[in-house]
Protein backbone atom coordinates (compact mmCIF):
# COMPACT_ATOMS: atom_id res chain seq x y z
CA UNK A 1 -62.94 -99.13 46.22
CA UNK A 2 -66.96 -99.07 46.41
CA UNK A 3 -69.82 -96.78 47.30
CA UNK A 4 -73.07 -96.20 47.13
CA UNK A 5 -72.60 -92.84 45.53
CA UNK A 6 -69.43 -91.30 44.01
CA UNK A 7 -68.79 -87.68 43.42
CA UNK A 8 -65.95 -86.29 41.39
CA UNK A 9 -65.51 -82.54 41.86
CA UNK A 10 -63.53 -80.81 38.91
CA UNK A 11 -62.73 -83.74 37.32
CA UNK A 12 -60.23 -83.96 34.47
CA UNK A 13 -59.78 -86.83 32.23
CA UNK A 14 -56.13 -86.91 31.11
CA UNK A 15 -56.90 -89.83 28.61
CA UNK A 16 -55.10 -93.34 28.99
CA UNK A 17 -51.39 -93.61 30.19
CA UNK A 18 -49.08 -96.42 30.96
CA UNK A 19 -47.81 -96.59 34.54
CA UNK A 20 -44.98 -98.69 36.01
CA UNK A 21 -46.31 -101.46 38.56
CA UNK A 22 -44.57 -104.26 40.37
CA UNK A 23 -46.01 -106.58 37.87
CA UNK A 24 -44.51 -104.68 34.97
CA UNK A 25 -46.41 -101.80 32.82
CA UNK A 26 -49.94 -101.06 32.89
CA UNK A 27 -52.49 -98.84 30.82
CA UNK A 28 -54.74 -97.26 33.10
CA UNK A 29 -57.02 -94.26 32.79
CA UNK A 30 -55.62 -91.13 34.21
CA UNK A 31 -57.94 -88.56 36.07
CA UNK A 32 -57.34 -85.47 38.39
CA UNK A 33 -59.90 -84.15 40.70
CA UNK A 34 -60.31 -81.09 43.21
CA UNK A 35 -62.13 -83.44 45.86
CA UNK A 36 -63.85 -86.71 45.86
CA UNK A 37 -66.69 -87.81 48.04
CA UNK A 38 -67.90 -91.75 48.64
CA UNK A 39 -70.82 -92.59 50.39
CA UNK A 40 -70.92 -96.04 52.35
CA UNK A 41 -67.19 -96.69 51.47
CA UNK A 42 -66.07 -100.09 51.23
CA UNK A 43 -62.00 -100.92 50.22
CA UNK A 44 -60.22 -103.96 49.76
CA UNK A 45 -56.62 -104.65 48.87
CA UNK A 46 -54.82 -108.02 48.70
CA UNK A 47 -51.94 -108.19 51.16
CA UNK A 48 -50.05 -111.62 51.45
CA UNK A 49 -52.67 -114.42 52.19
CA UNK A 50 -55.20 -111.99 53.22
CA UNK A 51 -57.66 -109.31 51.85
CA UNK A 52 -57.55 -106.05 54.26
CA UNK A 53 -60.96 -104.39 54.20
CA UNK A 54 -61.22 -100.91 55.09
CA UNK A 55 -65.05 -99.76 55.54
CA UNK A 56 -66.47 -96.67 56.50
CA UNK A 57 -69.38 -96.19 58.98
CA UNK A 58 -72.71 -97.03 57.89
CA UNK A 59 -74.40 -94.24 56.08
CA UNK A 60 -71.14 -92.16 56.37
CA UNK A 61 -69.56 -89.98 53.42
CA UNK A 62 -65.81 -90.33 53.08
CA UNK A 63 -63.92 -87.67 51.47
CA UNK A 64 -60.72 -86.98 49.74
CA UNK A 65 -59.37 -83.37 49.87
CA UNK A 66 -56.09 -81.62 49.19
CA UNK A 67 -53.86 -80.68 46.36
CA UNK A 68 -53.19 -82.53 43.23
CA UNK A 69 -55.48 -85.53 43.58
CA UNK A 70 -54.60 -87.76 40.70
CA UNK A 71 -56.15 -91.38 40.29
CA UNK A 72 -54.83 -94.10 37.85
CA UNK A 73 -57.72 -96.24 37.10
CA UNK A 74 -57.97 -99.82 35.94
CA UNK A 75 -61.65 -99.49 35.84
CA UNK A 76 -64.74 -97.19 36.90
CA UNK A 77 -68.49 -98.54 36.91
CA UNK A 78 -71.27 -96.91 38.09
CA UNK A 79 -75.01 -95.76 37.08
CA UNK A 80 -74.65 -92.20 36.01
CA UNK A 81 -76.53 -90.02 38.36
CA UNK A 82 -75.75 -86.41 37.40
CA UNK A 83 -73.53 -84.48 35.27
CA UNK A 84 -72.56 -80.78 35.93
CA UNK A 85 -74.92 -80.99 38.95
CA UNK A 86 -78.00 -82.03 36.56
CA UNK A 87 -79.77 -85.24 37.64
CA UNK A 88 -79.58 -87.93 34.90
CA UNK A 89 -82.38 -90.62 34.70
CA UNK A 90 -80.89 -93.85 36.28
CA UNK A 91 -80.56 -95.78 33.01
CA UNK A 92 -76.94 -95.19 31.73
CA UNK A 93 -74.58 -97.84 33.38
CA UNK A 94 -70.94 -96.75 32.78
CA UNK A 95 -68.28 -99.01 32.62
CA UNK A 96 -64.92 -97.30 31.59
CA UNK A 97 -61.49 -99.15 31.14
CA UNK A 98 -58.38 -98.29 29.10
CA UNK A 99 -59.98 -100.57 26.29
CA UNK A 100 -63.46 -99.32 26.17
CA UNK A 101 -62.87 -95.41 25.90
CA UNK A 102 -62.61 -94.85 22.19
CA UNK A 103 -59.65 -93.27 21.38
CA UNK A 104 -61.18 -90.16 19.60
CA UNK A 105 -63.04 -89.40 22.88
CA UNK A 106 -59.85 -89.45 25.23
CA UNK A 107 -58.07 -87.70 23.03
CA UNK A 108 -60.32 -84.70 22.46
CA UNK A 109 -61.73 -84.59 26.11
CA UNK A 110 -58.13 -85.24 27.51
CA UNK A 111 -56.83 -82.23 25.21
CA UNK A 112 -59.43 -79.68 26.26
CA UNK A 113 -58.94 -80.17 29.96
CA UNK A 114 -62.93 -80.00 30.98
CA UNK A 115 -63.44 -79.80 34.47
CA UNK A 116 -66.80 -81.78 35.38
CA UNK A 117 -68.99 -82.35 38.31
CA UNK A 118 -69.81 -86.07 37.95
CA UNK A 119 -71.88 -88.24 40.19
CA UNK A 120 -72.20 -92.25 40.20
CA UNK A 121 -74.51 -94.29 42.01
CA UNK A 122 -73.38 -97.99 42.91
CA UNK A 123 -69.95 -96.94 41.88
CA UNK A 124 -66.62 -99.44 41.89
CA UNK A 125 -63.25 -98.15 40.90
CA UNK A 126 -60.35 -100.24 40.43
CA UNK A 127 -57.40 -98.27 41.17
CA UNK A 128 -53.73 -99.02 39.98
CA UNK A 129 -52.68 -96.01 42.26
CA UNK A 130 -53.47 -92.56 43.42
CA UNK A 131 -51.34 -89.43 44.78
CA UNK A 132 -52.22 -86.60 46.40
CA UNK A 133 -55.20 -85.76 48.66
CA UNK A 134 -56.06 -86.58 52.24
CA UNK A 135 -58.69 -89.52 53.00
CA UNK A 136 -60.76 -89.06 55.71
CA UNK A 137 -63.22 -92.18 56.54
CA UNK A 138 -66.02 -91.30 59.18
CA UNK A 139 -66.35 -94.57 61.69
CA UNK A 140 -63.45 -96.54 60.03
CA UNK A 141 -63.56 -100.30 60.46
CA UNK A 142 -60.49 -102.32 59.32
CA UNK A 143 -60.57 -106.19 59.11
CA UNK A 144 -58.91 -109.08 57.01
CA UNK A 145 -60.23 -112.00 55.46
CA UNK A 146 -58.28 -115.16 53.47
CA UNK A 147 -57.85 -114.83 50.02
């Protein structure tokens, strides 16, 4: 999932967890959020011999709203745009994976259960799974390409 801007509302980081997948157990970052907005959404999912693409309309903002949005993330990348709705200089590029988050950090933040408002520009999320929430994509366009 990619977007020119990703906003995570009331984001809580629950640390690194192991989830079962069709390919076996996998370590992922676990986040929950009250809402997610993604400007210029582009998603791609391998499906057999093709990659299925779902894009939002140009300039549109897609949303995930609803109860208990939980994201299981392989990696999260983007340029930090704001924290707690305070703009930040566009100099910090984040790349978080289960292997790159220091254990002391995820243990501390995960145990505190802090709710953060976080925005990233040029965001890229590789998710292992998601539960909860309802995705709305204005101007949705789907197509397939060969793998």
